[in-house]
Amino acid sequence: MPTKLTMPRLSDTMTTGKIIEWKKKVGDKVEPGDVLAEIESDKATMEFEAFEEGILLEILVPSGGTAPVGEVLAILGEVGTVPLESQPTSFRQESKSIETENKDLQKKTEEIKKVEGVDVPPKDVQKISPLTLKDKKETVVREPSSRILASPLALRLAAELGVDLTQVKGSGPDGRIIREDIERYAKMKEQTPHPISVPSPTPPKIQSPKQPTSSEGTILELTQMRSAIARRMAEGWQTPMFTLTMDIRMDAVEQIREQWKELGKSVVPTINDFVLCAVSRALHQYPQMNVSFRENSIVQYHDVHVAFAVALPEGLITPVIFHADKKSLSQIAEESKQLIDKAFAKKLQIEEFSGSTFTISNLGKMDIEHFTAIVNPPEAGILAIGRVREAVVVRGGEIAIEQRMYVTLSADHRAIDGAMGAEFLGIVRKFLEHPISLILD
């Protein structure tokens, strides 16, 4: 029994996805765990894995194509099944109701008439019946012998590509025009000055679209992730925010990290791990900051789930340390490393970067001393971390050099006041300037 492979929901806000590249081709044998394709969601580019054994019978959404969550991307058949064009086609539109499909079919036929002048009246289009779907046979447009015989998918594709059906030779049963015929004709039309029909059984490769240009430069199409970032940041910028900056002494943290290295530990906590641990303890101790604003209320969360930003080539993603206030510094260091590795390997699961109550963004490794981050709704706070730097200070009337770090809190003023934010930062500073408490906890 063929299996429909549908567009997975890879994030809590994902509505559509883009196929970056198919790693398998039609006819390939697939084992559980094999990577079928790379899919770009609104938050990351991730690998789409197979969950069962089979043969890839057909790919319905090619590389570079987009599809809504739940739409069929490909058909997987049992081992030993021969990939035939007629086998999987009934699965393509099963997600649509019969009535909707009939209306769509008639609409596309009218478009063909207008674009190409082909005489295919809607009254001659055979409607899809429950029996057609049950038999798993491709619905065909039944015409008198003097008219065009084509599948609904071929009709739709012809309308989209502006193909004259009278110039296409069908290779399907009874000479009907199928999807591959339209694709071959469109490909050959691009390469030759006159339209021709080529009955080759080999489908053409999908050509990557050229980047559009303007007089100012190349126009770069937004990725799914970048579109989501743009949308979310616009929402965050509309939040009535305030910011607070504090300068924290980091000598003790650096000393502990050096001792950790001398002990030969496999994972040495990073500055970010210390901040994650300190922030999670501070949120537990001061729950007024572990909140989000709703239309007529403020939600104070019982659990502390702290996210941290990871910069990928495609954009930012924020893996989450769940119940971070209940985990040791070592546990946080191990978990954050695993999440970062999975993020770059495109193996993060939706539950690993959803559901945070507070976020940390660290640009210290990029030599940034101070910056302001934008609150990511529905969260009410985000902490921006700068680099650890040497600073000259006056302490007890004497000049000294210390390791110091700027942190900047951005907070939703509808849920958090300035005094609350200041108290919270004071608790974070206490933990970082006396980090032994993070280890002994």
Protein backbone atom coordinates (compact mmCIF):
# COMPACT_ATOMS: atom_id res chain seq x y z
CA MET A 1 0.00 0.00 0.00
CA PRO A 2 1.64 3.28 -1.07
CA THR A 3 2.33 5.83 1.68
CA LYS A 4 1.88 9.57 1.35
CA LEU A 5 4.85 11.62 2.58
CA THR A 6 3.49 14.99 3.67
CA MET A 7 5.06 18.33 4.53
CA PRO A 8 5.90 18.05 8.26
CA ARG A 9 5.34 20.84 10.77
CA LEU A 10 8.89 21.73 11.78
CA SER A 11 8.06 24.62 14.10
CA ASP A 12 5.14 25.84 16.15
CA THR A 13 4.61 28.78 13.75
CA MET A 14 5.28 27.00 10.45
CA THR A 15 2.52 27.13 7.81
CA THR A 16 4.51 26.38 4.65
CA GLY A 17 7.85 24.78 3.88
CA LYS A 18 10.33 24.83 1.01
CA ILE A 19 12.10 21.78 -0.43
CA ILE A 20 15.74 22.83 -0.59
CA GLU A 21 16.94 19.56 -2.12
CA TRP A 22 15.73 15.99 -2.54
CA LYS A 23 18.40 13.56 -1.34
CA LYS A 24 16.61 10.59 -2.94
CA LYS A 25 15.33 10.20 -6.48
CA VAL A 26 12.38 8.28 -7.91
CA GLY A 27 13.09 4.55 -7.86
CA ASP A 28 15.54 4.69 -4.93
CA LYS A 29 15.13 2.25 -2.07
CA VAL A 30 14.53 3.99 1.26
CA GLU A 31 15.41 2.69 4.72
CA PRO A 32 14.06 4.03 8.04
CA GLY A 33 16.22 6.98 9.08
CA ASP A 34 17.36 7.80 5.54
CA VAL A 35 17.35 11.52 4.74
CA LEU A 36 14.80 12.07 1.99
CA ALA A 37 15.13 15.83 1.61
CA GLU A 38 16.21 19.09 3.21
CA ILE A 39 13.22 21.27 4.12
CA GLU A 40 13.35 24.94 5.03
CA SER A 41 10.81 26.06 7.62
CA ASP A 42 10.30 29.49 9.10
CA LYS A 43 12.94 28.77 11.75
CA ALA A 44 15.50 26.38 10.29
CA THR A 45 16.57 24.15 7.43
CA MET A 46 16.11 20.59 8.64
CA GLU A 47 16.43 17.05 7.34
CA PHE A 48 13.27 15.14 6.41
CA GLU A 49 13.80 11.50 7.38
CA ALA A 50 11.97 8.34 6.33
CA PHE A 51 10.15 6.39 9.02
CA GLU A 52 9.66 3.18 7.06
CA GLU A 53 11.17 1.07 4.33
CA GLY A 54 10.03 1.39 0.74
CA ILE A 55 10.62 2.59 -2.82
CA LEU A 56 10.27 6.26 -3.71
CA LEU A 57 7.55 6.07 -6.37
CA GLU A 58 7.04 9.72 -7.17
CA ILE A 59 8.09 13.22 -6.12
CA LEU A 60 5.19 15.67 -6.31
CA VAL A 61 6.93 18.82 -5.03
CA PRO A 62 10.34 19.29 -6.71
CA SER A 63 13.46 20.87 -5.26
CA GLY A 64 12.87 24.59 -4.86
CA GLY A 65 9.12 24.10 -4.53
CA THR A 66 7.01 25.17 -1.56
CA ALA A 67 4.00 23.48 -0.01
CA PRO A 68 1.72 24.03 3.00
CA VAL A 69 2.01 21.84 6.07
CA GLY A 70 0.22 18.55 5.46
CA GLU A 71 0.44 18.59 1.65
CA VAL A 72 1.70 15.45 -0.06
CA LEU A 73 5.35 15.80 -1.11
CA ALA A 74 6.05 12.31 -2.43
CA ILE A 75 4.74 8.75 -2.58
CA LEU A 76 6.54 5.81 -0.97
CA GLY A 77 5.64 2.28 -2.08
CA GLU A 78 6.46 -1.18 -0.83
CA VAL A 79 9.83 -2.72 -1.67
CA GLY A 80 9.63 -4.32 -5.09
CA THR A 81 7.09 -1.83 -6.38
CA VAL A 82 7.88 -0.43 -9.82
CA PRO A 83 7.53 3.35 -9.99
CA LEU A 84 4.70 3.89 -12.47
CA GLU A 85 3.21 7.24 -13.32
CA SER A 86 -0.30 5.87 -12.88
CA GLN A 87 0.18 4.35 -9.43
CA PRO A 88 0.49 7.28 -7.05
CA THR A 89 -1.54 9.94 -8.80
CA SER A 90 -4.75 9.34 -6.91
CA PHE A 91 -2.97 10.31 -3.71
CA ARG A 92 -2.15 13.78 -4.96
CA GLN A 93 -5.54 15.31 -4.38
CA GLU A 94 -7.07 13.05 -1.73
CA SER A 95 -6.63 15.80 0.82
CA LYS A 96 -9.06 17.97 -1.16
CA SER A 97 -12.77 17.40 -1.13
CA ILE A 98 -14.40 16.06 -4.31
CA GLU A 99 -16.43 19.21 -4.75
CA THR A 100 -13.40 21.49 -4.43
CA GLU A 101 -11.42 19.40 -6.93
CA ASN A 102 -14.21 19.54 -9.52
CA LYS A 103 -14.44 23.33 -9.24
CA ASP A 104 -10.67 23.67 -9.46
CA LEU A 105 -10.60 21.45 -12.54
CA GLN A 106 -13.21 23.52 -14.33
CA LYS A 107 -11.43 26.76 -13.42
CA LYS A 108 -8.11 25.52 -14.83
CA THR A 109 -9.78 24.33 -18.02
CA GLU A 110 -11.26 27.79 -18.52
CA GLU A 111 -7.77 29.26 -18.04
CA ILE A 112 -6.38 27.02 -20.75
CA LYS A 113 -9.13 28.12 -23.12
CA LYS A 114 -8.31 31.77 -22.50
CA VAL A 115 -4.52 31.38 -22.72
CA GLU A 116 -4.13 28.88 -25.53
CA GLY A 117 -7.49 28.99 -27.30
CA VAL A 118 -7.94 25.22 -26.87
CA ASP A 119 -11.55 24.14 -27.16
CA VAL A 120 -12.03 22.09 -23.98
CA PRO A 121 -15.43 23.06 -22.57
CA PRO A 122 -15.93 22.46 -18.84
CA LYS A 123 -18.98 20.32 -19.60
CA ASP A 124 -16.70 17.74 -21.24
CA VAL A 125 -14.47 17.44 -18.17
CA GLN A 126 -15.13 14.21 -16.31
CA LYS A 127 -15.85 14.95 -12.63
CA ILE A 128 -13.99 13.07 -9.94
CA SER A 129 -16.14 10.53 -8.20
CA PRO A 130 -15.55 8.63 -4.96
CA LEU A 131 -15.07 5.52 -7.08
CA THR A 132 -12.18 7.18 -8.93
CA LEU A 133 -10.39 7.91 -5.66
CA LYS A 134 -11.09 4.46 -4.32
CA ASP A 135 -9.66 2.74 -7.38
CA LYS A 136 -6.48 4.85 -7.10
CA LYS A 137 -6.53 5.62 -10.86
CA GLU A 138 -5.65 8.98 -12.33
CA THR A 139 -8.70 11.03 -13.28
CA VAL A 140 -8.65 11.81 -17.01
CA VAL A 141 -10.33 14.55 -18.96
CA ARG A 142 -12.58 12.58 -21.32
CA GLU A 143 -13.00 14.29 -24.66
CA PRO A 144 -14.35 13.32 -28.06
CA SER A 145 -11.56 11.89 -30.22
CA SER A 146 -11.11 15.27 -31.94
CA ARG A 147 -10.23 16.97 -28.70
CA ILE A 148 -7.36 16.90 -26.24
CA LEU A 149 -6.98 14.00 -23.81
CA ALA A 150 -5.05 15.05 -20.69
CA SER A 151 -4.86 14.43 -16.96
CA PRO A 152 -6.03 17.20 -14.58
CA LEU A 153 -2.49 17.70 -13.32
CA ALA A 154 -1.26 18.12 -16.91
CA LEU A 155 -4.03 20.67 -17.55
CA ARG A 156 -3.11 22.68 -14.47
CA LEU A 157 0.61 22.57 -15.25
CA ALA A 158 -0.02 23.59 -18.87
CA ALA A 159 -2.03 26.60 -17.71
CA GLU A 160 0.71 27.63 -15.28
CA LEU A 161 3.52 27.25 -17.84
CA GLY A 162 1.56 28.62 -20.82
CA VAL A 163 1.94 25.41 -22.83
CA ASP A 164 -0.16 24.88 -25.99
CA LEU A 165 -1.63 21.39 -25.50
CA THR A 166 -2.15 20.95 -29.24
CA GLN A 167 1.65 20.91 -29.64
CA VAL A 168 2.25 18.21 -27.02
CA LYS A 169 2.33 14.49 -27.78
CA GLY A 170 0.92 12.38 -24.96
CA SER A 171 2.80 9.36 -23.66
CA GLY A 172 0.12 8.12 -21.25
CA PRO A 173 -2.53 5.43 -21.82
CA ASP A 174 -4.54 6.03 -25.01
CA GLY A 175 -2.14 8.85 -25.88
CA ARG A 176 -3.24 11.08 -23.02
CA ILE A 177 -1.00 13.98 -21.99
CA ILE A 178 0.50 13.55 -18.52
CA ARG A 179 2.64 15.74 -16.28
CA GLU A 180 5.98 14.51 -17.68
CA ASP A 181 4.89 15.42 -21.21
CA ILE A 182 4.19 19.01 -20.17
CA GLU A 183 7.51 19.29 -18.34
CA ARG A 184 9.45 17.86 -21.30
CA TYR A 185 7.71 20.18 -23.74
CA ALA A 186 8.31 23.25 -21.58
CA LYS A 187 11.99 22.30 -21.24
CA MET A 188 12.46 21.78 -24.97
CA LYS A 189 10.61 25.00 -25.74
CA GLU A 190 13.20 26.90 -23.68
CA GLN A 191 16.08 25.31 -25.59
CA THR A 192 14.73 25.51 -29.17
CA PRO A 193 13.16 28.32 -31.22
CA HIS A 194 10.13 26.19 -32.15
CA PRO A 195 7.96 23.98 -29.93
CA ILE A 196 8.54 20.25 -30.47
CA SER A 197 7.37 17.04 -28.80
CA VAL A 198 9.94 14.58 -27.49
CA PRO A 199 8.62 11.21 -26.24
CA SER A 200 11.67 10.59 -24.07
CA PRO A 201 10.80 8.77 -20.82
CA THR A 202 13.47 10.70 -18.89
CA PRO A 203 12.01 13.73 -17.08
CA PRO A 204 14.02 16.95 -17.30
CA LYS A 205 15.99 18.27 -14.37
CA ILE A 206 14.50 21.18 -12.49
CA GLN A 207 16.42 24.34 -13.31
CA SER A 208 17.29 26.69 -10.48
CA PRO A 209 15.72 30.10 -11.11
CA LYS A 210 18.11 32.96 -11.80
CA GLN A 211 18.34 35.66 -9.17
CA PRO A 212 16.36 38.73 -10.30
CA THR A 213 18.38 41.92 -10.52
CA SER A 214 17.67 45.62 -10.44
CA SER A 215 19.73 48.70 -11.26
CA GLU A 216 20.76 48.76 -7.58
CA GLY A 217 21.94 45.15 -7.35
CA THR A 218 20.86 41.53 -7.01
CA ILE A 219 17.49 40.94 -5.41
CA LEU A 220 17.73 38.10 -2.86
CA GLU A 221 14.55 36.17 -2.21
CA LEU A 222 13.70 35.84 1.48
CA THR A 223 14.10 32.37 2.91
CA GLN A 224 11.32 30.87 5.02
CA MET A 225 13.43 31.50 8.13
CA ARG A 226 14.30 35.08 7.20
CA SER A 227 10.64 35.83 6.45
CA ALA A 228 9.67 34.50 9.87
CA ILE A 229 12.44 36.50 11.57
CA ALA A 230 11.27 39.65 9.80
CA ARG A 231 7.68 39.04 10.87
CA ARG A 232 8.50 38.16 14.47
CA MET A 233 10.92 41.07 14.91
CA ALA A 234 8.34 43.49 13.53
CA GLU A 235 5.91 42.17 16.14
CA GLY A 236 8.57 42.51 18.84
CA TRP A 237 9.46 46.05 17.79
CA GLN A 238 5.83 47.08 18.29
CA THR A 239 6.08 45.91 21.90
CA PRO A 240 6.51 48.84 24.35
CA MET A 241 10.03 47.92 25.45
CA PHE A 242 12.54 49.40 27.84
CA THR A 243 16.19 48.42 28.24
CA LEU A 244 18.54 48.22 31.24
CA THR A 245 22.31 47.69 31.04
CA MET A 246 24.54 46.37 33.81
CA ASP A 247 28.33 45.87 33.92
CA ILE A 248 29.22 42.57 35.65
CA ARG A 249 32.59 41.45 36.98
CA MET A 250 33.55 38.07 35.46
CA ASP A 251 36.93 37.29 37.09
CA ALA A 252 35.52 34.47 39.24
CA VAL A 253 33.78 32.84 36.27
CA GLU A 254 36.99 32.94 34.22
CA GLN A 255 38.97 31.42 37.10
CA ILE A 256 36.51 28.54 37.48
CA ARG A 257 36.57 27.91 33.73
CA GLU A 258 40.38 27.70 33.80
CA GLN A 259 40.27 25.23 36.69
CA TRP A 260 37.66 23.21 34.81
CA LYS A 261 40.04 22.98 31.83
CA GLU A 262 42.92 21.89 34.07
CA LEU A 263 40.79 19.02 35.35
CA GLY A 264 40.56 17.74 31.79
CA LYS A 265 36.77 17.72 31.64
CA SER A 266 35.31 16.75 28.27
CA VAL A 267 32.89 19.69 28.30
CA VAL A 268 33.99 22.98 29.83
CA PRO A 269 31.07 25.38 30.48
CA THR A 270 31.19 28.43 28.23
CA ILE A 271 30.42 31.97 29.31
CA ASN A 272 27.01 31.44 27.74
CA ASP A 273 26.45 28.34 29.91
CA PHE A 274 27.24 30.32 33.06
CA VAL A 275 24.79 33.03 31.96
CA LEU A 276 22.12 30.41 31.15
CA CYS A 277 22.54 28.90 34.59
CA ALA A 278 22.54 32.30 36.36
CA VAL A 279 19.48 33.53 34.46
CA SER A 280 17.52 30.34 35.11
CA ARG A 281 18.28 30.56 38.86
CA ALA A 282 17.31 34.25 38.85
CA LEU A 283 14.00 33.52 37.08
CA HIS A 284 13.23 30.86 39.68
CA GLN A 285 14.12 33.24 42.51
CA TYR A 286 12.30 36.20 40.92
CA PRO A 287 9.29 34.69 39.02
CA GLN A 288 7.85 38.14 38.24
CA MET A 289 10.25 38.12 35.27
CA ASN A 290 9.17 34.68 34.03
CA VAL A 291 6.01 36.02 32.44
CA SER A 292 4.23 36.96 29.21
CA PHE A 293 1.63 39.59 28.49
CA ARG A 294 -1.81 38.60 27.24
CA GLU A 295 -4.59 40.91 26.09
CA ASN A 296 -6.15 41.37 29.52
CA SER A 297 -3.78 39.47 31.78
CA ILE A 298 -0.21 38.51 32.62
CA VAL A 299 0.77 34.84 32.63
CA GLN A 300 3.36 33.92 35.24
CA TYR A 301 4.88 30.59 34.25
CA HIS A 302 5.46 27.82 36.78
CA ASP A 303 8.39 26.36 34.81
CA VAL A 304 11.59 28.04 33.67
CA HIS A 305 12.45 27.27 30.03
CA VAL A 306 15.38 29.38 28.80
CA ALA A 307 16.19 29.68 25.08
CA PHE A 308 19.50 30.85 23.62
CA ALA A 309 20.10 32.20 20.13
CA VAL A 310 22.24 30.22 17.70
CA ALA A 311 23.37 31.94 14.48
CA LEU A 312 23.03 29.65 11.47
CA PRO A 313 23.87 30.62 7.87
CA GLU A 314 20.12 30.84 7.19
CA GLY A 315 19.35 32.97 10.25
CA LEU A 316 18.75 32.60 13.99
CA ILE A 317 17.24 29.67 15.82
CA THR A 318 16.64 29.46 19.57
CA PRO A 319 17.02 25.99 21.14
CA VAL A 320 15.52 25.66 24.62
CA ILE A 321 16.91 24.34 27.92
CA PHE A 322 13.74 23.09 29.58
CA HIS A 323 13.42 23.27 33.39
CA ALA A 324 16.79 25.00 33.36
CA ASP A 325 16.47 26.13 36.98
CA LYS A 326 16.45 22.48 38.07
CA LYS A 327 19.61 21.54 36.15
CA SER A 328 23.22 21.80 37.23
CA LEU A 329 25.80 23.89 35.41
CA SER A 330 27.34 20.70 33.98
CA GLN A 331 23.98 19.50 32.71
CA ILE A 332 23.28 22.85 31.06
CA ALA A 333 26.75 22.83 29.43
CA GLU A 334 26.24 19.30 28.05
CA GLU A 335 22.72 20.01 26.82
CA SER A 336 23.54 23.34 25.20
CA LYS A 337 26.45 21.76 23.30
CA GLN A 338 24.20 18.96 22.03
CA LEU A 339 21.54 21.45 20.94
CA ILE A 340 24.09 23.62 19.10
CA ASP A 341 25.50 20.57 17.30
CA LYS A 342 22.01 19.47 16.30
CA ALA A 343 21.14 22.98 15.11
CA PHE A 344 24.11 23.09 12.73
CA ALA A 345 23.42 19.50 11.62
CA LYS A 346 19.79 20.51 10.92
CA LYS A 347 18.51 17.80 13.25
CA LEU A 348 16.62 19.89 15.83
CA GLN A 349 13.07 18.74 16.45
CA ILE A 350 10.18 21.18 16.84
CA GLU A 351 9.90 20.49 20.57
CA GLU A 352 13.57 21.47 21.02
CA PHE A 353 13.12 25.09 19.92
CA SER A 354 9.56 25.84 21.05
CA GLY A 355 7.99 26.77 24.39
CA SER A 356 10.62 29.03 25.94
CA THR A 357 9.72 31.58 28.64
CA PHE A 358 12.87 33.75 28.37
CA THR A 359 15.72 34.14 25.85
CA ILE A 360 19.44 34.91 25.89
CA SER A 361 21.32 36.35 22.90
CA ASN A 362 25.13 36.36 23.05
CA LEU A 363 27.37 38.20 20.57
CA GLY A 364 30.44 38.12 22.78
CA LYS A 365 32.25 35.67 20.50
CA MET A 366 31.90 38.21 17.70
CA ASP A 367 33.74 40.82 19.79
CA ILE A 368 30.59 42.89 20.47
CA GLU A 369 30.76 44.69 23.82
CA HIS A 370 27.18 45.92 24.05
CA PHE A 371 23.95 45.60 22.06
CA THR A 372 20.18 45.62 22.48
CA ALA A 373 18.07 42.59 21.55
CA ILE A 374 14.39 42.68 20.58
CA VAL A 375 11.85 40.86 22.72
CA ASN A 376 10.50 37.74 21.03
CA PRO A 377 6.71 37.63 21.74
CA PRO A 378 5.00 36.18 23.68
CA GLU A 379 8.05 36.28 25.97
CA ALA A 380 8.41 39.44 28.05
CA GLY A 381 12.19 39.53 28.34
CA ILE A 382 15.47 38.87 26.52
CA LEU A 383 19.02 39.34 27.79
CA ALA A 384 21.77 40.51 25.41
CA ILE A 385 25.32 39.42 26.34
CA GLY A 386 28.50 41.22 25.24
CA ARG A 387 32.09 40.01 25.28
CA VAL A 388 34.19 39.63 28.41
CA ARG A 389 36.74 42.43 28.30
CA GLU A 390 39.58 43.82 30.39
CA ALA A 391 38.55 47.05 32.09
CA VAL A 392 40.40 49.51 34.33
CA VAL A 393 38.45 50.14 37.53
CA VAL A 394 38.98 51.96 40.81
CA ARG A 395 38.34 49.70 43.77
CA GLY A 396 39.06 50.79 47.37
CA GLY A 397 40.94 53.82 46.11
CA GLU A 398 43.26 51.70 44.00
CA ILE A 399 43.34 51.14 40.24
CA ALA A 400 42.82 47.56 39.15
CA ILE A 401 42.20 45.60 35.94
CA GLU A 402 39.16 43.33 35.94
CA GLN A 403 37.36 41.02 33.53
CA ARG A 404 33.96 42.59 32.95
CA MET A 405 30.92 42.01 30.75
CA TYR A 406 27.93 44.16 29.74
CA VAL A 407 24.47 42.61 29.85
CA THR A 408 21.38 44.42 28.55
CA LEU A 409 17.84 43.45 29.44
CA SER A 410 15.03 44.27 26.99
CA ALA A 411 11.61 43.88 28.61
CA ASP A 412 7.94 44.25 27.74
CA HIS A 413 6.83 47.27 29.80
CA ARG A 414 3.24 46.02 29.82
CA ALA A 415 4.27 43.11 32.05
CA ILE A 416 7.52 44.28 33.65
CA ASP A 417 8.52 47.57 35.26
CA GLY A 418 11.98 49.11 35.36
CA ALA A 419 12.47 48.42 39.06
CA MET A 420 11.58 44.76 38.53
CA GLY A 421 14.08 44.50 35.69
CA ALA A 422 16.78 46.11 37.84
CA GLU A 423 16.15 43.66 40.71
CA PHE A 424 16.32 40.74 38.29
CA LEU A 425 19.65 41.95 36.85
CA GLY A 426 20.98 42.35 40.39
CA ILE A 427 20.25 38.67 41.08
CA VAL A 428 21.92 37.63 37.80
CA ARG A 429 25.01 39.68 38.73
CA LYS A 430 25.17 38.09 42.16
CA PHE A 431 25.23 34.60 40.66
CA LEU A 432 27.89 35.51 38.06
CA GLU A 433 30.16 37.37 40.45
CA HIS A 434 29.90 34.46 42.95
CA PRO A 435 29.66 31.50 40.53
CA ILE A 436 30.52 28.93 43.21
CA SER A 437 26.81 29.09 44.11
CA LEU A 438 25.96 27.82 40.61
CA ILE A 439 28.23 24.81 41.10
CA LEU A 440 27.19 23.93 44.65
CA ASP A 441 23.46 24.31 43.93
